[in-house]
Amino acid sequence: MGAISTRSEPLPAETEPRLAAFTELVATAIANAEAQAALTASRARIVAAADTTRRRLERDLHDGAQQRLVSLALRLRTLQAELPPEALGLTGQLDDVADGLTGVLDELRELARGLHPAALADGGLRPALKALARRSAVPVRLDVRLDGRLPDPVELAAYYVIAEALTNTAKHAAATTIDVGVAPDAGTLRIRVHDDGRGGADPTGGTGLLGLTDRVEALGGHLSLHSPPGAGTTMHVALPLTAPTRAG
């Protein structure tokens, strides 16, 4: 049987400082990763809380103020029908009040739609984007390749991203057409919004895009903007389809 022997030699003098530096580097990397995870979780909580608040406000407006205004408008019309023919002056004044109530009701409905669009809650992303396109001041060509519903956070993020892009284009781009493409791809929802406007958009020029970036990144997604002067603006968004699906 052969003998096994070992020889103890002192470690190089620089070994201990190197190990200490390496340990510190690993500890810093772990701390950075934990901080990034905490930031992402915090963003997600803020976005979820904001969405919950929007839903509650929309519901309160619909069930409270809107229904009250509808009831008042109906009572006013009933009073108008009961007025005698000789009260023409009063009838005209009541017409003005009724028109004013109708205008306030329309504004309130538009506000509620902006808080949490009914088309999105009722039918999903496809009909909500069709409604957005119809209201857009710049003609929109939609290419939405979706079958069924998406997770709630993904639908909301996609809707708000596209809504903000359409608004910015109408305000600043002097574009004649906007192309919007939405399609799933290997577990990710891909969004592309392109306009043929003047380009030169500054992604840091306002809070809207920064808020969208926070919303997208809170879901583990990514948003990028390409806007060379004179060549239009293109926004790309990738959203992972990993959130729990909508019940029912």
Protein backbone atom coordinates (compact mmCIF):
# COMPACT_ATOMS: atom_id res chain seq x y z
CA MET A 1 0.00 0.00 0.00
CA GLY A 2 1.39 3.40 -0.95
CA ALA A 3 1.73 6.17 1.61
CA ILE A 4 -0.10 9.49 1.31
CA SER A 5 1.58 12.57 2.65
CA THR A 6 0.80 16.25 2.67
CA ARG A 7 3.02 19.25 2.86
CA SER A 8 1.88 22.36 4.62
CA GLU A 9 3.06 25.58 3.06
CA PRO A 10 2.21 29.10 4.12
CA LEU A 11 -0.27 30.96 1.91
CA PRO A 12 1.04 33.87 -0.13
CA ALA A 13 1.07 37.12 1.79
CA GLU A 14 -1.54 38.75 -0.44
CA THR A 15 -4.11 35.92 -0.08
CA GLU A 16 -5.91 37.28 2.96
CA PRO A 17 -6.48 40.80 1.54
CA ARG A 18 -7.65 39.26 -1.73
CA LEU A 19 -10.14 37.00 0.07
CA ALA A 20 -11.38 39.96 2.08
CA ALA A 21 -11.83 42.05 -1.06
CA PHE A 22 -13.63 39.19 -2.83
CA THR A 23 -15.93 38.65 0.15
CA GLU A 24 -16.76 42.37 0.19
CA LEU A 25 -17.47 42.29 -3.55
CA VAL A 26 -19.84 39.33 -3.17
CA ALA A 27 -21.60 41.01 -0.24
CA THR A 28 -22.03 44.21 -2.28
CA ALA A 29 -23.44 42.27 -5.25
CA ILE A 30 -25.93 40.49 -3.00
CA ALA A 31 -26.96 43.76 -1.38
CA ASN A 32 -27.44 45.38 -4.80
CA ALA A 33 -29.56 42.46 -5.99
CA GLU A 34 -31.71 42.62 -2.87
CA ALA A 35 -32.12 46.39 -3.26
CA GLN A 36 -33.15 45.97 -6.90
CA ALA A 37 -35.66 43.27 -5.96
CA ALA A 38 -37.06 45.50 -3.21
CA LEU A 39 -37.35 48.42 -5.65
CA THR A 40 -39.19 46.27 -8.20
CA ALA A 41 -41.56 44.98 -5.53
CA SER A 42 -42.18 48.52 -4.29
CA ARG A 43 -42.96 49.71 -7.83
CA ALA A 44 -45.37 46.83 -8.29
CA ARG A 45 -47.18 47.68 -5.02
CA ILE A 46 -47.47 51.36 -5.99
CA VAL A 47 -48.86 50.49 -9.44
CA ALA A 48 -51.33 47.99 -7.96
CA ALA A 49 -52.50 50.51 -5.35
CA ALA A 50 -52.99 53.19 -8.02
CA ASP A 51 -55.00 50.80 -10.20
CA THR A 52 -57.19 49.81 -7.25
CA THR A 53 -57.83 53.48 -6.48
CA ARG A 54 -58.75 54.18 -10.12
CA ARG A 55 -61.26 51.31 -10.10
CA ARG A 56 -62.85 52.55 -6.88
CA LEU A 57 -63.12 56.12 -8.15
CA GLU A 58 -64.63 54.96 -11.43
CA ARG A 59 -67.17 52.82 -9.58
CA ASP A 60 -68.03 55.64 -7.17
CA LEU A 61 -68.50 58.11 -10.01
CA HIS A 62 -70.70 55.69 -11.93
CA ASP A 63 -72.86 54.62 -8.99
CA GLY A 64 -73.02 58.03 -7.33
CA ALA A 65 -72.59 61.29 -9.22
CA GLN A 66 -73.47 59.96 -12.69
CA GLN A 67 -76.68 58.29 -11.55
CA ARG A 68 -77.67 61.43 -9.62
CA LEU A 69 -77.17 63.61 -12.69
CA VAL A 70 -79.18 61.21 -14.86
CA SER A 71 -82.03 61.30 -12.33
CA LEU A 72 -82.00 65.10 -12.22
CA ALA A 73 -82.02 65.34 -16.01
CA LEU A 74 -85.03 63.01 -16.22
CA ARG A 75 -86.94 65.02 -13.60
CA LEU A 76 -86.17 68.22 -15.48
CA ARG A 77 -87.49 66.79 -18.73
CA THR A 78 -90.65 65.66 -16.91
CA LEU A 79 -91.19 69.19 -15.60
CA GLN A 80 -90.71 70.60 -19.09
CA ALA A 81 -93.40 68.29 -20.46
CA GLU A 82 -95.86 69.48 -17.80
CA LEU A 83 -95.41 73.20 -18.48
CA PRO A 84 -98.32 75.01 -20.15
CA PRO A 85 -97.80 76.24 -23.72
CA GLU A 86 -97.74 79.89 -22.64
CA ALA A 87 -94.60 79.35 -20.50
CA LEU A 88 -92.28 79.54 -23.50
CA GLY A 89 -89.68 81.66 -21.72
CA LEU A 90 -89.42 79.21 -18.84
CA THR A 91 -89.24 76.30 -21.25
CA GLY A 92 -86.22 77.85 -22.96
CA GLN A 93 -84.47 78.37 -19.63
CA LEU A 94 -85.13 74.76 -18.64
CA ASP A 95 -83.70 73.67 -21.99
CA ASP A 96 -80.48 75.50 -21.17
CA VAL A 97 -80.30 73.84 -17.74
CA ALA A 98 -80.96 70.42 -19.26
CA ASP A 99 -78.24 70.95 -21.85
CA GLY A 100 -75.86 71.99 -19.08
CA LEU A 101 -76.64 68.83 -17.10
CA THR A 102 -76.04 66.73 -20.19
CA GLY A 103 -72.67 68.40 -20.76
CA VAL A 104 -71.59 67.82 -17.16
CA LEU A 105 -72.68 64.19 -17.41
CA ASP A 106 -70.65 63.71 -20.61
CA GLU A 107 -67.57 65.26 -18.97
CA LEU A 108 -67.99 63.04 -15.92
CA ARG A 109 -68.29 59.94 -18.11
CA GLU A 110 -65.14 60.93 -19.98
CA LEU A 111 -63.32 61.41 -16.68
CA ALA A 112 -64.48 58.01 -15.43
CA ARG A 113 -63.42 56.41 -18.72
CA GLY A 114 -59.97 57.89 -18.31
CA LEU A 115 -59.64 56.55 -14.77
CA HIS A 116 -60.45 52.98 -15.73
CA PRO A 117 -61.83 52.48 -19.25
CA ALA A 118 -65.07 50.50 -19.28
CA ALA A 119 -64.20 48.87 -22.61
CA LEU A 120 -61.06 47.41 -21.06
CA ALA A 121 -62.87 46.06 -18.01
CA ASP A 122 -65.74 44.62 -20.05
CA GLY A 123 -64.13 43.29 -23.20
CA GLY A 124 -60.37 43.32 -22.84
CA LEU A 125 -57.57 45.02 -24.70
CA ARG A 126 -58.82 44.66 -28.28
CA PRO A 127 -62.11 46.62 -27.93
CA ALA A 128 -60.43 49.14 -25.60
CA LEU A 129 -57.76 49.88 -28.22
CA LYS A 130 -60.43 50.18 -30.93
CA ALA A 131 -62.16 52.81 -28.80
CA LEU A 132 -58.84 54.63 -28.33
CA ALA A 133 -58.20 54.58 -32.07
CA ARG A 134 -61.66 56.01 -32.83
CA ARG A 135 -61.08 58.91 -30.45
CA SER A 136 -57.55 59.64 -31.65
CA ALA A 137 -56.97 62.98 -33.37
CA VAL A 138 -54.47 61.24 -35.69
CA PRO A 139 -55.64 58.27 -37.82
CA VAL A 140 -54.59 54.96 -36.25
CA ARG A 141 -53.96 51.63 -37.99
CA LEU A 142 -54.41 48.80 -35.49
CA ASP A 143 -52.89 45.33 -35.75
CA VAL A 144 -53.96 43.52 -32.57
CA ARG A 145 -53.31 39.78 -32.61
CA LEU A 146 -54.85 38.54 -29.40
CA ASP A 147 -57.04 35.59 -28.53
CA GLY A 148 -58.94 36.03 -25.28
CA ARG A 149 -58.04 38.04 -22.21
CA LEU A 150 -54.66 38.88 -20.74
CA PRO A 151 -53.71 39.26 -17.05
CA ASP A 152 -55.21 42.44 -15.61
CA PRO A 153 -51.88 44.20 -14.92
CA VAL A 154 -50.67 43.48 -18.46
CA GLU A 155 -53.89 44.76 -20.05
CA LEU A 156 -53.77 47.96 -18.00
CA ALA A 157 -50.10 48.59 -18.73
CA ALA A 158 -50.57 47.99 -22.46
CA TYR A 159 -53.63 50.26 -22.57
CA TYR A 160 -51.97 53.15 -20.74
CA VAL A 161 -48.76 52.86 -22.79
CA ILE A 162 -50.66 53.07 -26.06
CA ALA A 163 -53.02 55.79 -24.82
CA GLU A 164 -50.07 57.95 -23.74
CA ALA A 165 -48.30 57.35 -27.06
CA LEU A 166 -51.38 58.41 -29.05
CA THR A 167 -51.82 61.53 -26.91
CA ASN A 168 -48.17 62.55 -27.25
CA THR A 169 -48.24 62.01 -31.01
CA ALA A 170 -51.36 64.15 -31.43
CA LYS A 171 -49.86 66.94 -29.30
CA HIS A 172 -46.26 67.07 -30.51
CA ALA A 173 -45.45 64.94 -33.55
CA ALA A 174 -47.38 66.59 -36.43
CA ALA A 175 -47.95 63.06 -37.72
CA THR A 176 -50.49 61.91 -40.32
CA THR A 177 -50.66 58.23 -39.31
CA ILE A 178 -49.95 56.05 -36.26
CA ASP A 179 -49.35 52.31 -36.54
CA VAL A 180 -50.04 50.22 -33.43
CA GLY A 181 -49.08 46.56 -33.25
CA VAL A 182 -49.85 44.25 -30.33
CA ALA A 183 -49.05 40.53 -30.29
CA PRO A 184 -47.89 37.82 -27.87
CA ASP A 185 -44.51 36.24 -28.51
CA ALA A 186 -43.04 33.39 -26.45
CA GLY A 187 -44.58 34.45 -23.15
CA THR A 188 -44.17 38.17 -23.79
CA LEU A 189 -46.62 40.78 -25.05
CA ARG A 190 -44.90 42.87 -27.73
CA ILE A 191 -46.17 46.39 -28.39
CA ARG A 192 -44.99 48.68 -31.17
CA VAL A 193 -46.28 52.21 -31.71
CA HIS A 194 -44.86 54.12 -34.68
CA ASP A 195 -45.79 57.50 -36.13
CA ASP A 196 -44.59 59.33 -39.26
CA GLY A 197 -44.15 62.66 -37.48
CA ARG A 198 -41.23 64.99 -36.94
CA GLY A 199 -39.36 62.77 -34.46
CA GLY A 200 -36.87 64.16 -32.00
CA ALA A 201 -38.95 63.15 -28.99
CA ASP A 202 -37.22 63.55 -25.62
CA PRO A 203 -37.99 60.60 -23.32
CA THR A 204 -37.07 62.72 -20.28
CA GLY A 205 -39.16 65.71 -21.31
CA GLY A 206 -42.21 64.88 -19.19
CA THR A 207 -43.56 62.73 -16.41
CA GLY A 208 -45.90 60.70 -18.62
CA LEU A 209 -43.26 58.49 -20.18
CA LEU A 210 -41.42 58.12 -16.88
CA GLY A 211 -44.63 56.93 -15.23
CA LEU A 212 -45.19 54.42 -18.03
CA THR A 213 -41.62 53.17 -17.68
CA ASP A 214 -42.20 52.61 -13.96
CA ARG A 215 -45.41 50.70 -14.70
CA VAL A 216 -43.75 48.53 -17.35
CA GLU A 217 -40.65 47.80 -15.29
CA ALA A 218 -42.78 46.98 -12.24
CA LEU A 219 -44.13 44.06 -14.28
CA GLY A 220 -40.62 42.99 -15.28
CA GLY A 221 -40.97 44.54 -18.73
CA HIS A 222 -38.98 46.96 -20.84
CA LEU A 223 -39.81 50.17 -22.72
CA SER A 224 -37.61 51.81 -25.35
CA LEU A 225 -38.06 54.88 -27.54
CA HIS A 226 -36.40 55.58 -30.89
CA SER A 227 -37.05 59.07 -32.27
CA PRO A 228 -34.46 60.42 -34.71
CA PRO A 229 -35.25 63.96 -35.94
CA GLY A 230 -37.31 63.94 -39.11
CA ALA A 231 -37.93 60.18 -39.07
CA GLY A 232 -40.88 59.70 -36.76
CA THR A 233 -41.01 58.04 -33.36
CA THR A 234 -41.15 54.34 -32.51
CA MET A 235 -41.92 52.94 -29.09
CA HIS A 236 -41.24 49.29 -28.27
CA VAL A 237 -42.63 47.66 -25.14
CA ALA A 238 -42.19 44.10 -23.88
CA LEU A 239 -44.42 42.85 -21.06
CA PRO A 240 -44.05 39.33 -19.62
CA LEU A 241 -47.31 37.38 -19.59
CA THR A 242 -46.58 35.77 -16.25
CA ALA A 243 -49.11 37.46 -13.98
CA PRO A 244 -52.08 35.36 -12.78
CA THR A 245 -54.88 35.33 -15.33
CA ARG A 246 -58.23 36.96 -14.75
CA ALA A 247 -60.72 34.82 -12.86
CA GLY A 248 -63.53 33.69 -15.11
